[in-house]
Amino acid sequence: MENNHHKAEKKQSFLNESPDGEIKALFWVPLAIFVSMMNAVGNICFSYVSKYKYKAAGMEGIGEFIGNFTALIAISFYSKLASSVDKSEAMSESQSTWFKWFYDIYYVRKKDVNGNILENQWENKIQFVRVFLTLIIIIFILAVNLCYAVGYHYAAIGHLNTGVLSSCGVTRVIFTSIIFHFLFKQSLRWYEYVGIVMMIFSVLAIVNSGNEEIINEDQETQITYIILSCGVIIFSTLIESVTSAMLKYFIGSSKEVNVSAFFNFALAIAGALFCVYFLILLYQGFQFTAFELWISILGGSTYTVATYLMTYINVRGKAGVANAIFESRTLFQTLLDLILFSRFPNLEQYIGLLLGFTSVLVIIVFNSLRGK
């Protein structure tokens, strides 16, 4: 018994987990910053092909399909490292082979005191949950990609810096914090409320902005495009927040569920659907350059891996704060957009961008001071 307890402690130490299954801030905070940089690269690539509007989603889908297998390699490497620390039977049964998803991939089978497997209604419950959530995640991936394709398309027409557009994603923090507060009692502190209020003002500043330096577009029309692009991106953050809450509610609180393999499997199905969509576009005579395809592969791959990692952080970390840190991507993306496309924000957009980024810093700094 003591030996098994020692193994469990070693596993928690390696995974940097607390006894209740949440990973510690020392692990997920740097990971969230790294994920924000990956997302910025993916979004810049997305904006490059956004001129194709809905077809851009198909191009990015090819990259996401490849990115799914990139994530699979990372999962396999992580699982091997974890299993090398703990060779217990429960650990080995919880490891996924990815292709065996229908049986052992999502949970460790219950056993009685004699070691006999207990299935019965627990098996039926898990079976229903995994099929239901797989469909939900597939819809989530398709919807978010279409939102990004349309949002970035209108942003390009409105000459909006995509880093500024991404700052509208701070609404993810608002939605996630509210949902997780009521469902999972993840309470907010005073400085987190301050950060959220600053985020709201940052979005309002951006939505009401235009670019007076552009003379080939009517100012009112341009503002309309900016509002449309921001509105679509904000709607996508609501979809992401609801999906993260579903994952947390159904499977995130149980250490018997393999979130990694589950989400990866759903990404594989969504990626396959995107490939079919892309083949249909080609059959209809869709034209693109080889460079655009490579950009799509790069963007889709980085975006997919970033999305997967962010979902893991939401489920195992503190979702509201993690999403606040994730919004540091706006700084990286703004700089990349300035360098590559020379789209300079105006005063209102700079104010909105700085408000959004400052709100992220407020939450990060105060959480660090409190050691959370």
Foldseek 3Di string as FASTA:
>chain_A
DVVVVVLVVQLCVVQCADPQQFHACVPLLVVLLVLLQLLLLLLVLLLVPLLVQQLSLLLLLLLQLVLLVVLVVVLVVVLVVSCVSPVDPQSVQQRDPLVPVLPRPFFRFDADPVGHGDDPVVVVVVNVLLVVLLVLLLVLSSLLSNLSSNLSNLCVVLLHQVLLLLLLLLVLLVLLQVLCCVPVVPDDDPLLVVLSVLSVLLLVLQLPDGDPVDDVDDGVVSSVSSNSSSVSNSVSSNSLSVSLSSCQVPRLSDPRTDLSSSSSSSSNVSSVVSNVVSVVCVVVPDDDDPVSSVSSNSSSSSNNSSSSSLSVCSSNHVNSLSSLSSSVSSVVNSVVSCVPPVRDDDPSSVSSSVSSNVSSVSSVVVCVVVSD
